[in-house]
Amino acid sequence: MGKPTGFLEYNRVSAQMEEPKERIKHFREFKKYLPIEEQQKQGARCMECGVPFCQSGDVLGGMVSGCPLHNLVPETNDLVYTGNWEQAYLRLSKTHSFPEFTARVCPALCEAACTCNLNGEPVGTKENEHAIIETAFERGWVKPQVPKVRTGKKVAVIGSGPSGLAAAQQLNRRGHQVTVFERSDRIGGLLRYGIPNMKLDKAVIDRRVRLMEEEGVVFKTGADVGKDIKAAELQKEFDRIVLCCGASNPRDIKVPGRDAHHIYFAVDFLASVTRSLLDSGLKDHKFVSAKGKHVLVIGGGDTGNDCVGTALRLGAKSVTQLEMMPKAPDTRADSNPWPQWPCVCKTDYGQEEAIAVFGHDPRIYQTTVTEFIKDEKGDVQKAKTVKLESKRDEKTGRINMVPVKGSEEVIEAQLVLIAAGFLGSQKYVTDAFKVSVDERTNVATKPEGYETGIPGIFAAGDMHRGQSLVVWAIREGRKAAEEVDASLMGYSNL
């Protein structure tokens, strides 16, 4: 332990963010990270606990506490403190495929489980991770890891999101020949088109993809397996197949007027903006425009927040965000003790920007839409809403959100973005490979495993576990790769 009193001597200092009214003028990342010397002090705050919950990844109170990748957090924090950056990178790389992604978009499960939370603020592990990986890239330590020996085995990975990339990286480094099939025009899946550029600059993805290509991974874009490419053909050509297609079925809002124009699923809206941004810097205008419109975002979470931030950057006249559930408490409830994940209200960057622009939080809690109102052209103009309250179903015992009579309102809505979550894998893919799905349409696999009921076909990521975090997708991809490798070689050293 390099600094036994570090958590007493140093306060938590985080990266500064560009002012909201300035950052909404562009789509660039807006965090201003600490100088490397100051970041080392943040590493010194780590107590190196006897029981480091930060790296546990255990389920407590129905929620995961600590890093699902089991990153060796106290070790890497100590190496940051001592300035041993290369060793910090090597240590982090033992458990993590893409620190540059999670250092930008992860909600930091590690920090929520940090012991320093008991009497202060947690160690800034997420920003320490960012400093480690970016320093490693700057100093040339991140190099292609080309396998010295090839096994002669061929593996197809369907989908290039975080789980697919993690599985491909691991299997390729083991010596198998890996081909990644992506139906979109660019590699990255959720990372590319589901997360806005200001949260994750796409050059960061491109940098990693180039490395993987140098290592020998083959990427094929515009390859929609199950439609353009038959599953049977891949089963003949490849020894193993890993399905990493995500949970890409968006949950809809089925109310009168849903057929009105200018109502979009959030992911389609976000993808259109990112694609236009990458293709032309938005000059081609091939994106869903929010300029001068009253924008209604239905749903909370990261995706809803991303819609708020993106709409503001596109010049929305107003932004309203509806959430069905009650507002979470501002501080931990007694029933939600550390080291459980803190169920508290989070005001994210998009909401912060809306507050700065409009003077109030865009979120309206315990509210849902009952009808969309359109004009004579069929364009959505307004939305009818109703307040909700929680009531227990006497038969099932479940708590349901039910409408409150007399609470109906009509609000302006010229662009509606549905960010109500995802329902699971897409049927045409699961049908093509004849794999079974569970009641949530996630691909069913063997207990505690990743192989489906069809020999040689595996599943990982959101397609396997349902809509989740990038860090979980990376964990799933790595674990699935280990199982695939063992099936091919009789053992695995991944």
Protein backbone atom coordinates (compact mmCIF):
# COMPACT_ATOMS: atom_id res chain seq x y z
CA MET A 1 0.00 0.00 0.00
CA GLY A 2 1.77 3.09 -1.26
CA LYS A 3 -0.05 5.79 0.74
CA PRO A 4 -1.72 4.50 3.91
CA THR A 5 -3.11 7.94 4.77
CA GLY A 6 -3.92 9.01 1.23
CA PHE A 7 -7.68 8.88 1.72
CA LEU A 8 -7.27 11.27 4.66
CA GLU A 9 -4.84 13.66 3.00
CA TYR A 10 -6.43 14.08 -0.44
CA ASN A 11 -9.97 15.06 -1.35
CA ARG A 12 -11.61 13.62 -4.40
CA VAL A 13 -10.99 15.82 -7.42
CA SER A 14 -12.69 14.95 -10.71
CA ALA A 15 -12.33 16.06 -14.29
CA GLN A 16 -13.91 19.41 -15.02
CA MET A 17 -16.65 19.60 -17.59
CA GLU A 18 -17.15 22.31 -20.15
CA GLU A 19 -20.02 24.59 -19.21
CA PRO A 20 -23.40 23.23 -20.41
CA LYS A 21 -24.28 26.21 -22.62
CA GLU A 22 -20.90 25.93 -24.36
CA ARG A 23 -20.74 22.17 -24.82
CA ILE A 24 -24.18 21.95 -26.46
CA LYS A 25 -22.66 23.88 -29.37
CA HIS A 26 -20.73 20.79 -30.46
CA PHE A 27 -20.65 16.98 -30.37
CA ARG A 28 -17.13 16.58 -28.99
CA GLU A 29 -16.23 14.99 -25.67
CA PHE A 30 -16.41 17.73 -23.05
CA LYS A 31 -14.52 16.42 -20.02
CA LYS A 32 -11.23 18.13 -19.14
CA TYR A 33 -9.23 15.45 -17.37
CA LEU A 34 -6.73 16.10 -14.57
CA PRO A 35 -3.01 16.56 -15.18
CA ILE A 36 -1.20 13.28 -14.70
CA GLU A 37 0.43 14.41 -11.43
CA GLU A 38 -2.95 15.28 -9.92
CA GLN A 39 -4.37 11.98 -11.11
CA GLN A 40 -1.66 10.19 -9.15
CA LYS A 41 -2.97 11.80 -5.96
CA GLN A 42 -6.38 10.35 -6.77
CA GLY A 43 -4.76 6.93 -6.93
CA ALA A 44 -3.29 7.57 -3.49
CA ARG A 45 -6.81 7.86 -2.04
CA CYS A 46 -7.34 4.10 -2.47
CA MET A 47 -7.31 2.36 0.93
CA GLU A 48 -6.47 -1.10 -0.51
CA CYS A 49 -9.15 -2.59 1.72
CA GLY A 50 -8.87 -6.05 3.17
CA VAL A 51 -12.15 -6.87 1.40
CA PRO A 52 -12.24 -4.75 -1.78
CA PHE A 53 -15.90 -4.71 -2.82
CA CYS A 54 -14.88 -2.49 -5.77
CA GLN A 55 -13.67 -5.53 -7.70
CA SER A 56 -16.17 -8.10 -6.46
CA GLY A 57 -18.94 -7.96 -9.06
CA ASP A 58 -21.27 -9.73 -6.59
CA VAL A 59 -25.04 -9.43 -6.46
CA LEU A 60 -26.19 -7.66 -3.30
CA GLY A 61 -29.81 -6.74 -2.74
CA GLY A 62 -30.67 -7.81 -6.29
CA MET A 63 -28.09 -5.48 -7.86
CA VAL A 64 -24.44 -5.90 -8.79
CA SER A 65 -21.89 -4.34 -6.47
CA GLY A 66 -18.42 -3.77 -7.85
CA CYS A 67 -16.83 -4.45 -11.24
CA PRO A 68 -18.22 -7.41 -13.23
CA LEU A 69 -14.81 -7.76 -14.89
CA HIS A 70 -13.14 -8.18 -11.50
CA ASN A 71 -10.56 -5.53 -12.40
CA LEU A 72 -7.77 -5.52 -9.82
CA VAL A 73 -8.78 -2.07 -8.66
CA PRO A 74 -6.60 -1.55 -5.55
CA GLU A 75 -3.53 -2.75 -7.45
CA THR A 76 -4.06 -0.45 -10.42
CA ASN A 77 -4.89 2.50 -8.16
CA ASP A 78 -1.66 1.97 -6.24
CA LEU A 79 0.31 1.83 -9.50
CA VAL A 80 -1.31 5.10 -10.55
CA TYR A 81 -0.22 6.67 -7.25
CA THR A 82 3.39 5.53 -7.65
CA GLY A 83 3.46 6.69 -11.28
CA ASN A 84 4.16 3.19 -12.59
CA TRP A 85 1.86 3.70 -15.56
CA GLU A 86 3.11 0.88 -17.75
CA GLN A 87 2.60 -1.69 -15.01
CA ALA A 88 -0.81 -0.17 -14.31
CA TYR A 89 -1.73 -0.72 -17.97
CA LEU A 90 -0.46 -4.31 -17.94
CA ARG A 91 -2.37 -5.04 -14.73
CA LEU A 92 -5.58 -3.54 -16.07
CA SER A 93 -5.22 -5.47 -19.33
CA LYS A 94 -5.25 -8.80 -17.48
CA THR A 95 -8.97 -8.48 -16.88
CA HIS A 96 -10.14 -5.80 -19.31
CA SER A 97 -10.34 -5.72 -23.10
CA PHE A 98 -11.34 -2.09 -23.67
CA PRO A 99 -10.70 0.28 -20.75
CA GLU A 100 -10.99 3.21 -23.15
CA PHE A 101 -14.72 2.47 -23.57
CA THR A 102 -15.74 1.92 -19.96
CA ALA A 103 -13.58 4.85 -18.77
CA ARG A 104 -16.00 7.02 -20.75
CA VAL A 105 -19.43 5.36 -20.53
CA CYS A 106 -19.50 3.04 -17.50
CA PRO A 107 -21.60 4.13 -14.47
CA ALA A 108 -18.62 3.05 -12.32
CA LEU A 109 -19.95 0.13 -10.30
CA CYS A 110 -16.48 0.01 -8.74
CA GLU A 111 -16.83 3.48 -7.27
CA ALA A 112 -20.30 2.78 -5.90
CA ALA A 113 -18.81 -0.12 -3.92
CA CYS A 114 -15.74 1.81 -2.70
CA THR A 115 -15.24 1.72 1.08
CA CYS A 116 -14.50 5.46 1.09
CA ASN A 117 -18.23 5.96 0.49
CA LEU A 118 -18.81 5.21 4.17
CA ASN A 119 -17.33 8.49 5.33
CA GLY A 120 -16.80 10.55 2.23
CA GLU A 121 -16.45 10.30 -1.54
CA PRO A 122 -15.21 7.23 -3.40
CA VAL A 123 -11.86 6.87 -5.13
CA GLY A 124 -12.02 8.16 -8.72
CA THR A 125 -11.29 4.73 -10.18
CA LYS A 126 -13.06 5.46 -13.48
CA GLU A 127 -10.86 8.47 -14.21
CA ASN A 128 -7.79 6.59 -13.02
CA GLU A 129 -8.70 3.95 -15.60
CA HIS A 130 -9.01 6.65 -18.26
CA ALA A 131 -5.57 8.00 -17.35
CA ILE A 132 -4.04 4.51 -17.49
CA ILE A 133 -5.30 3.57 -20.93
CA GLU A 134 -4.80 6.98 -22.56
CA THR A 135 -1.27 7.21 -21.15
CA ALA A 136 -0.60 3.73 -22.51
CA PHE A 137 -1.77 4.74 -25.98
CA GLU A 138 0.22 7.99 -25.89
CA ARG A 139 3.43 6.23 -24.87
CA GLY A 140 3.09 3.41 -27.39
CA TRP A 141 2.50 0.56 -24.95
CA VAL A 142 -0.74 -0.57 -26.59
CA LYS A 143 0.54 -2.69 -29.44
CA PRO A 144 -1.03 -5.35 -31.67
CA GLN A 145 -0.86 -8.76 -29.99
CA VAL A 146 -0.46 -11.01 -33.02
CA PRO A 147 -0.65 -14.71 -32.08
CA LYS A 148 2.59 -16.56 -32.75
CA VAL A 149 0.76 -19.77 -33.63
CA ARG A 150 -2.54 -20.23 -35.44
CA THR A 151 -4.77 -23.15 -34.43
CA GLY A 152 -6.42 -23.61 -37.80
CA LYS A 153 -9.84 -23.14 -36.21
CA LYS A 154 -12.29 -20.58 -37.59
CA VAL A 155 -14.80 -18.63 -35.50
CA ALA A 156 -17.55 -16.30 -36.70
CA VAL A 157 -18.73 -13.53 -34.38
CA ILE A 158 -22.09 -12.03 -35.35
CA GLY A 159 -22.30 -8.45 -34.14
CA SER A 160 -19.55 -5.93 -33.39
CA GLY A 161 -20.79 -4.32 -30.19
CA PRO A 162 -18.74 -4.56 -26.98
CA SER A 163 -19.47 -8.26 -26.42
CA GLY A 164 -18.65 -9.19 -30.01
CA LEU A 165 -15.43 -7.18 -30.01
CA ALA A 166 -14.35 -8.68 -26.67
CA ALA A 167 -15.03 -12.24 -27.85
CA ALA A 168 -13.23 -11.61 -31.14
CA GLN A 169 -10.20 -10.09 -29.45
CA GLN A 170 -9.77 -12.97 -27.03
CA LEU A 171 -10.33 -15.75 -29.55
CA ASN A 172 -7.98 -14.18 -32.07
CA ARG A 173 -5.22 -13.77 -29.51
CA ARG A 174 -5.63 -17.46 -28.69
CA GLY A 175 -4.75 -18.21 -32.31
CA HIS A 176 -8.14 -18.89 -33.87
CA GLN A 177 -9.05 -17.13 -37.12
CA VAL A 178 -11.90 -14.76 -36.27
CA THR A 179 -14.30 -13.01 -38.64
CA VAL A 180 -16.73 -10.42 -37.27
CA PHE A 181 -19.94 -9.82 -39.22
CA GLU A 182 -21.70 -6.47 -38.72
CA ARG A 183 -24.94 -5.56 -40.48
CA SER A 184 -24.34 -1.81 -40.19
CA ASP A 185 -21.97 0.30 -42.27
CA ARG A 186 -19.41 0.67 -39.48
CA ILE A 187 -17.99 -1.46 -36.69
CA GLY A 188 -19.04 -0.82 -33.11
CA GLY A 189 -22.69 -1.75 -32.67
CA LEU A 190 -24.08 -0.03 -29.57
CA LEU A 191 -20.77 1.77 -29.04
CA ARG A 192 -20.97 3.29 -32.50
CA TYR A 193 -24.60 4.21 -32.97
CA GLY A 194 -26.24 3.83 -29.56
CA ILE A 195 -23.95 6.17 -27.62
CA PRO A 196 -23.56 9.80 -28.77
CA ASN A 197 -20.23 11.18 -29.84
CA MET A 198 -19.93 13.56 -26.87
CA LYS A 199 -19.87 10.57 -24.54
CA LEU A 200 -17.69 8.33 -26.69
CA ASP A 201 -15.76 9.86 -29.57
CA LYS A 202 -15.89 7.39 -32.45
CA ALA A 203 -12.18 7.86 -33.10
CA VAL A 204 -11.67 5.88 -29.89
CA ILE A 205 -13.51 2.92 -31.45
CA ASP A 206 -11.64 3.28 -34.74
CA ARG A 207 -8.31 3.23 -32.90
CA ARG A 208 -9.15 -0.10 -31.26
CA VAL A 209 -10.58 -1.63 -34.45
CA ARG A 210 -7.37 -0.81 -36.33
CA LEU A 211 -5.39 -2.61 -33.63
CA MET A 212 -7.61 -5.67 -33.88
CA GLU A 213 -7.24 -5.70 -37.66
CA GLU A 214 -3.46 -5.62 -37.23
CA GLU A 215 -3.81 -8.56 -34.86
CA GLY A 216 -5.59 -10.53 -37.57
CA VAL A 217 -9.32 -10.08 -36.90
CA VAL A 218 -11.35 -9.78 -40.11
CA PHE A 219 -14.28 -7.34 -40.08
CA LYS A 220 -17.13 -7.48 -42.58
CA THR A 221 -19.66 -4.62 -42.55
CA GLY A 222 -22.99 -4.49 -44.36
CA ALA A 223 -23.31 -8.20 -43.62
CA ASP A 224 -26.78 -8.90 -42.22
CA VAL A 225 -26.62 -12.50 -41.08
CA GLY A 226 -30.04 -14.13 -41.26
CA LYS A 227 -31.02 -12.00 -44.24
CA ASP A 228 -28.14 -11.33 -46.66
CA ILE A 229 -26.04 -14.20 -45.34
CA LYS A 230 -27.59 -17.56 -44.51
CA ALA A 231 -26.89 -19.10 -41.14
CA ALA A 232 -26.36 -22.52 -42.74
CA GLU A 233 -23.52 -21.14 -44.85
CA LEU A 234 -21.69 -19.87 -41.79
CA GLN A 235 -22.22 -23.15 -39.97
CA LYS A 236 -20.49 -24.95 -42.84
CA GLU A 237 -17.60 -22.50 -43.09
CA PHE A 238 -16.84 -21.91 -39.39
CA ASP A 239 -16.04 -24.25 -36.54
CA ARG A 240 -17.87 -22.12 -33.99
CA ILE A 241 -20.31 -19.19 -34.09
CA VAL A 242 -20.81 -16.58 -31.37
CA LEU A 243 -24.05 -14.57 -31.49
CA CYS A 244 -23.50 -11.04 -30.13
CA CYS A 245 -26.33 -9.16 -31.83
CA GLY A 246 -27.52 -7.20 -28.81
CA ALA A 247 -31.01 -6.68 -27.41
CA SER A 248 -32.13 -4.60 -30.34
CA ASN A 249 -35.93 -4.85 -30.14
CA PRO A 250 -37.08 -1.47 -28.80
CA ARG A 251 -40.11 -1.40 -26.49
CA ASP A 252 -42.94 0.52 -28.14
CA ILE A 253 -45.66 2.84 -26.80
CA LYS A 254 -48.93 1.48 -28.16
CA VAL A 255 -51.46 4.29 -27.79
CA PRO A 256 -53.85 6.07 -30.20
CA GLY A 257 -51.99 8.28 -32.65
CA ARG A 258 -48.81 6.16 -32.60
CA ASP A 259 -48.84 6.18 -36.41
CA ALA A 260 -48.21 9.95 -36.50
CA HIS A 261 -45.13 11.22 -38.30
CA HIS A 262 -42.01 12.26 -36.35
CA ILE A 263 -42.29 9.59 -33.66
CA TYR A 264 -39.04 7.60 -33.49
CA PHE A 265 -37.37 5.00 -31.37
CA ALA A 266 -34.48 6.59 -29.49
CA VAL A 267 -31.84 4.33 -31.01
CA ASP A 268 -32.96 5.26 -34.55
CA PHE A 269 -32.78 8.95 -33.69
CA LEU A 270 -29.34 8.67 -32.09
CA ALA A 271 -28.01 6.51 -34.93
CA SER A 272 -29.20 8.94 -37.60
CA VAL A 273 -27.41 11.83 -35.92
CA THR A 274 -24.15 9.93 -35.38
CA ARG A 275 -24.12 8.57 -38.93
CA SER A 276 -24.66 12.02 -40.42
CA LEU A 277 -22.04 13.46 -38.08
CA LEU A 278 -19.48 10.87 -39.22
CA ASP A 279 -20.41 11.10 -42.91
CA SER A 280 -20.57 14.86 -43.32
CA GLY A 281 -20.45 16.73 -40.01
CA LEU A 282 -24.29 16.95 -40.23
CA LYS A 283 -24.05 18.84 -43.53
CA ASP A 284 -25.97 16.17 -45.47
CA HIS A 285 -29.03 16.72 -43.21
CA LYS A 286 -29.71 12.98 -43.29
CA PHE A 287 -30.73 12.85 -39.67
CA VAL A 288 -33.84 13.29 -37.58
CA SER A 289 -33.95 17.02 -36.93
CA ALA A 290 -35.00 18.55 -33.61
CA LYS A 291 -34.34 22.14 -34.62
CA GLY A 292 -37.04 24.51 -33.41
CA LYS A 293 -39.25 21.66 -32.17
CA HIS A 294 -40.86 20.79 -28.87
CA VAL A 295 -39.20 17.44 -28.15
CA LEU A 296 -40.78 14.77 -25.97
CA VAL A 297 -38.54 11.98 -24.68
CA ILE A 298 -40.41 9.01 -23.24
CA GLY A 299 -38.24 7.05 -20.84
CA GLY A 300 -35.36 7.68 -18.48
CA GLY A 301 -32.04 5.94 -18.14
CA ASP A 302 -28.91 6.57 -20.16
CA THR A 303 -30.68 6.43 -23.52
CA GLY A 304 -33.31 8.97 -22.51
CA ASN A 305 -30.61 11.28 -21.20
CA ASP A 306 -28.64 10.90 -24.44
CA CYS A 307 -31.75 11.91 -26.39
CA VAL A 308 -32.10 15.04 -24.25
CA GLY A 309 -28.46 16.03 -24.81
CA THR A 310 -28.61 15.31 -28.54
CA ALA A 311 -31.87 17.20 -29.04
CA LEU A 312 -30.36 20.25 -27.34
CA ARG A 313 -27.35 20.14 -29.65
CA LEU A 314 -29.67 20.05 -32.63
CA GLY A 315 -31.49 23.20 -31.49
CA ALA A 316 -34.66 21.90 -29.85
CA LYS A 317 -37.12 24.60 -28.77
CA SER A 318 -37.95 22.66 -25.60
CA VAL A 319 -37.31 19.20 -24.19
CA THR A 320 -39.60 17.25 -21.87
CA GLN A 321 -38.69 13.83 -20.50
CA LEU A 322 -41.33 11.50 -19.06
CA GLU A 323 -40.50 8.77 -16.54
CA MET A 324 -43.08 6.26 -15.34
CA MET A 325 -41.46 5.60 -11.98
CA PRO A 326 -41.27 7.95 -8.99
CA LYS A 327 -38.20 10.12 -8.51
CA ALA A 328 -35.48 8.23 -6.66
CA PRO A 329 -34.34 9.68 -3.32
CA ASP A 330 -31.43 12.13 -3.33
CA THR A 331 -29.60 10.10 -0.66
CA ARG A 332 -29.44 6.41 0.18
CA ALA A 333 -32.46 4.94 1.94
CA ASP A 334 -31.85 2.87 5.08
CA SER A 335 -32.97 -0.18 3.10
CA ASN A 336 -30.24 0.46 0.50
CA PRO A 337 -26.97 0.38 2.49
CA TRP A 338 -23.41 0.37 1.18
CA PRO A 339 -21.98 -1.60 -0.63
CA GLN A 340 -25.22 -2.10 -2.58
CA TRP A 341 -25.64 -0.05 -5.74
CA PRO A 342 -27.02 3.33 -4.56
CA CYS A 343 -30.61 3.77 -5.76
CA VAL A 344 -30.49 7.56 -5.75
CA CYS A 345 -31.52 10.27 -8.19
CA LYS A 346 -28.90 10.95 -10.81
CA THR A 347 -28.86 14.14 -12.84
CA ASP A 348 -26.80 13.32 -15.92
CA TYR A 349 -25.16 15.58 -18.49
CA GLY A 350 -28.26 15.92 -20.70
CA GLN A 351 -30.49 16.95 -17.82
CA GLU A 352 -27.80 19.36 -16.59
CA GLU A 353 -27.75 20.96 -20.02
CA ALA A 354 -31.54 21.23 -20.15
CA ILE A 355 -31.56 22.88 -16.72
CA ALA A 356 -28.93 25.39 -17.90
CA VAL A 357 -30.86 26.20 -21.08
CA PHE A 358 -34.48 26.15 -19.88
CA GLY A 359 -34.06 26.79 -16.16
CA HIS A 360 -35.69 23.57 -14.95
CA ASP A 361 -35.23 19.82 -14.91
CA PRO A 362 -36.81 18.29 -18.06
CA ARG A 363 -37.98 15.20 -16.18
CA ILE A 364 -41.60 14.67 -15.19
CA TYR A 365 -41.97 11.62 -12.96
CA GLN A 366 -44.83 9.14 -12.60
CA THR A 367 -46.26 10.15 -15.96
CA THR A 368 -46.97 8.38 -19.22
CA VAL A 369 -48.55 9.09 -22.61
CA THR A 370 -52.12 8.03 -23.38
CA GLU A 371 -52.45 9.49 -26.87
CA PHE A 372 -50.54 11.31 -29.60
CA ILE A 373 -52.38 14.15 -31.33
CA LYS A 374 -51.54 14.82 -34.98
CA ASP A 375 -52.45 17.56 -37.46
CA GLU A 376 -54.12 17.21 -40.85
CA LYS A 377 -50.78 16.22 -42.40
CA GLY A 378 -50.35 13.38 -39.94
CA ASP A 379 -47.51 15.07 -38.05
CA VAL A 380 -47.47 14.73 -34.29
CA GLN A 381 -48.24 18.01 -32.52
CA LYS A 382 -49.17 17.20 -28.95
CA ALA A 383 -49.33 14.36 -26.47
CA LYS A 384 -51.93 13.54 -23.85
CA THR A 385 -50.38 12.46 -20.58
CA VAL A 386 -51.63 11.06 -17.31
CA LYS A 387 -50.11 10.84 -13.83
CA LEU A 388 -49.41 7.42 -12.34
CA GLU A 389 -49.48 6.05 -8.83
CA SER A 390 -48.27 2.76 -7.40
CA LYS A 391 -50.84 0.20 -6.27
CA ARG A 392 -50.45 -3.36 -5.14
CA ASP A 393 -52.33 -6.02 -7.11
CA GLU A 394 -54.26 -8.00 -4.50
CA LYS A 395 -54.09 -11.20 -6.55
CA THR A 396 -50.40 -11.22 -7.54
CA GLY A 397 -48.93 -8.99 -4.85
CA ARG A 398 -47.09 -7.00 -7.49
CA ILE A 399 -46.79 -3.22 -7.40
CA ASN A 400 -48.20 -1.68 -10.58
CA MET A 401 -48.20 1.91 -11.81
CA VAL A 402 -51.83 2.84 -12.54
CA PRO A 403 -53.37 6.06 -13.93
CA VAL A 404 -54.66 8.74 -11.57
CA LYS A 405 -58.14 9.86 -12.60
CA GLY A 406 -58.44 13.53 -13.42
CA SER A 407 -54.68 14.04 -13.88
CA GLU A 408 -54.71 14.19 -17.67
CA GLU A 409 -52.78 16.96 -19.43
CA VAL A 410 -51.86 17.91 -23.00
CA ILE A 411 -48.28 18.95 -23.79
CA GLU A 412 -46.50 20.17 -26.93
CA ALA A 413 -44.68 17.45 -28.87
CA GLN A 414 -43.49 17.94 -32.45
CA LEU A 415 -40.81 15.28 -32.16
CA VAL A 416 -41.29 12.20 -29.97
CA LEU A 417 -38.41 9.91 -29.02
CA ILE A 418 -39.28 6.57 -27.40
CA ALA A 419 -36.55 5.50 -24.98
CA ALA A 420 -38.50 2.84 -23.11
CA GLY A 421 -35.84 0.14 -23.19
CA PHE A 422 -35.40 -3.04 -25.21
CA LEU A 423 -37.19 -6.39 -25.24
CA GLY A 424 -34.49 -8.78 -26.42
CA SER A 425 -32.99 -10.35 -29.52
CA GLN A 426 -34.42 -10.03 -33.00
CA LYS A 427 -36.49 -12.96 -34.20
CA TYR A 428 -35.03 -13.27 -37.69
CA VAL A 429 -31.58 -13.93 -36.23
CA THR A 430 -32.68 -16.48 -33.63
CA ASP A 431 -34.90 -18.19 -36.21
CA ALA A 432 -32.04 -18.35 -38.70
CA PHE A 433 -29.84 -20.25 -36.26
CA LYS A 434 -32.79 -22.18 -34.76
CA VAL A 435 -31.74 -21.26 -31.21
CA SER A 436 -34.22 -21.20 -28.36
CA VAL A 437 -35.14 -18.04 -26.49
CA ASP A 438 -36.51 -17.48 -23.00
CA GLU A 439 -39.66 -15.58 -22.00
CA ARG A 440 -37.80 -12.29 -22.53
CA THR A 441 -36.60 -13.40 -25.99
CA ASN A 442 -33.00 -13.59 -24.79
CA VAL A 443 -31.09 -16.49 -26.31
CA ALA A 444 -31.28 -19.50 -24.01
CA THR A 445 -28.01 -21.24 -23.14
CA LYS A 446 -26.84 -24.01 -20.88
CA PRO A 447 -26.97 -23.16 -17.15
CA GLU A 448 -24.09 -20.85 -16.15
CA GLY A 449 -22.77 -21.14 -19.71
CA TYR A 450 -22.85 -19.59 -23.16
CA GLU A 451 -23.48 -22.48 -25.56
CA THR A 452 -26.98 -22.68 -26.98
CA GLY A 453 -28.96 -25.84 -27.57
CA ILE A 454 -27.43 -25.99 -31.06
CA PRO A 455 -23.91 -27.47 -30.83
CA GLY A 456 -21.19 -25.03 -31.82
CA ILE A 457 -23.35 -21.92 -31.48
CA PHE A 458 -22.80 -19.62 -28.51
CA ALA A 459 -24.41 -16.36 -27.37
CA ALA A 460 -23.08 -13.44 -25.35
CA GLY A 461 -23.83 -9.86 -24.35
CA ASP A 462 -27.27 -8.26 -24.33
CA MET A 463 -28.55 -10.97 -26.69
CA HIS A 464 -27.82 -13.45 -23.91
CA ARG A 465 -28.50 -11.55 -20.67
CA GLY A 466 -30.84 -8.79 -21.86
CA GLN A 467 -30.31 -5.04 -21.99
CA SER A 468 -27.38 -4.17 -19.75
CA LEU A 469 -24.16 -2.20 -19.41
CA VAL A 470 -21.11 -2.04 -21.68
CA VAL A 471 -18.97 -3.51 -18.90
CA TRP A 472 -21.31 -6.52 -18.66
CA ALA A 473 -21.17 -6.99 -22.44
CA ILE A 474 -17.36 -7.06 -22.31
CA ARG A 475 -17.48 -9.56 -19.44
CA GLU A 476 -19.90 -11.76 -21.41
CA GLY A 477 -17.76 -11.63 -24.55
CA ARG A 478 -14.63 -12.64 -22.65
CA LYS A 479 -16.35 -15.50 -20.81
CA ALA A 480 -18.00 -16.77 -23.97
CA ALA A 481 -14.62 -16.73 -25.73
CA GLU A 482 -13.18 -18.84 -22.92
CA GLU A 483 -15.96 -21.40 -23.36
CA VAL A 484 -15.60 -21.42 -27.16
CA ASP A 485 -11.86 -21.91 -26.84
CA ALA A 486 -12.30 -24.83 -24.45
CA SER A 487 -14.77 -26.47 -26.83
CA LEU A 488 -12.27 -26.18 -29.68
CA MET A 489 -9.06 -27.11 -27.86
CA GLY A 490 -10.21 -29.22 -24.93
CA TYR A 491 -9.00 -26.59 -22.47
CA SER A 492 -8.64 -22.81 -22.37
CA ASN A 493 -5.85 -20.52 -21.26
CA LEU A 494 -7.82 -17.31 -21.84
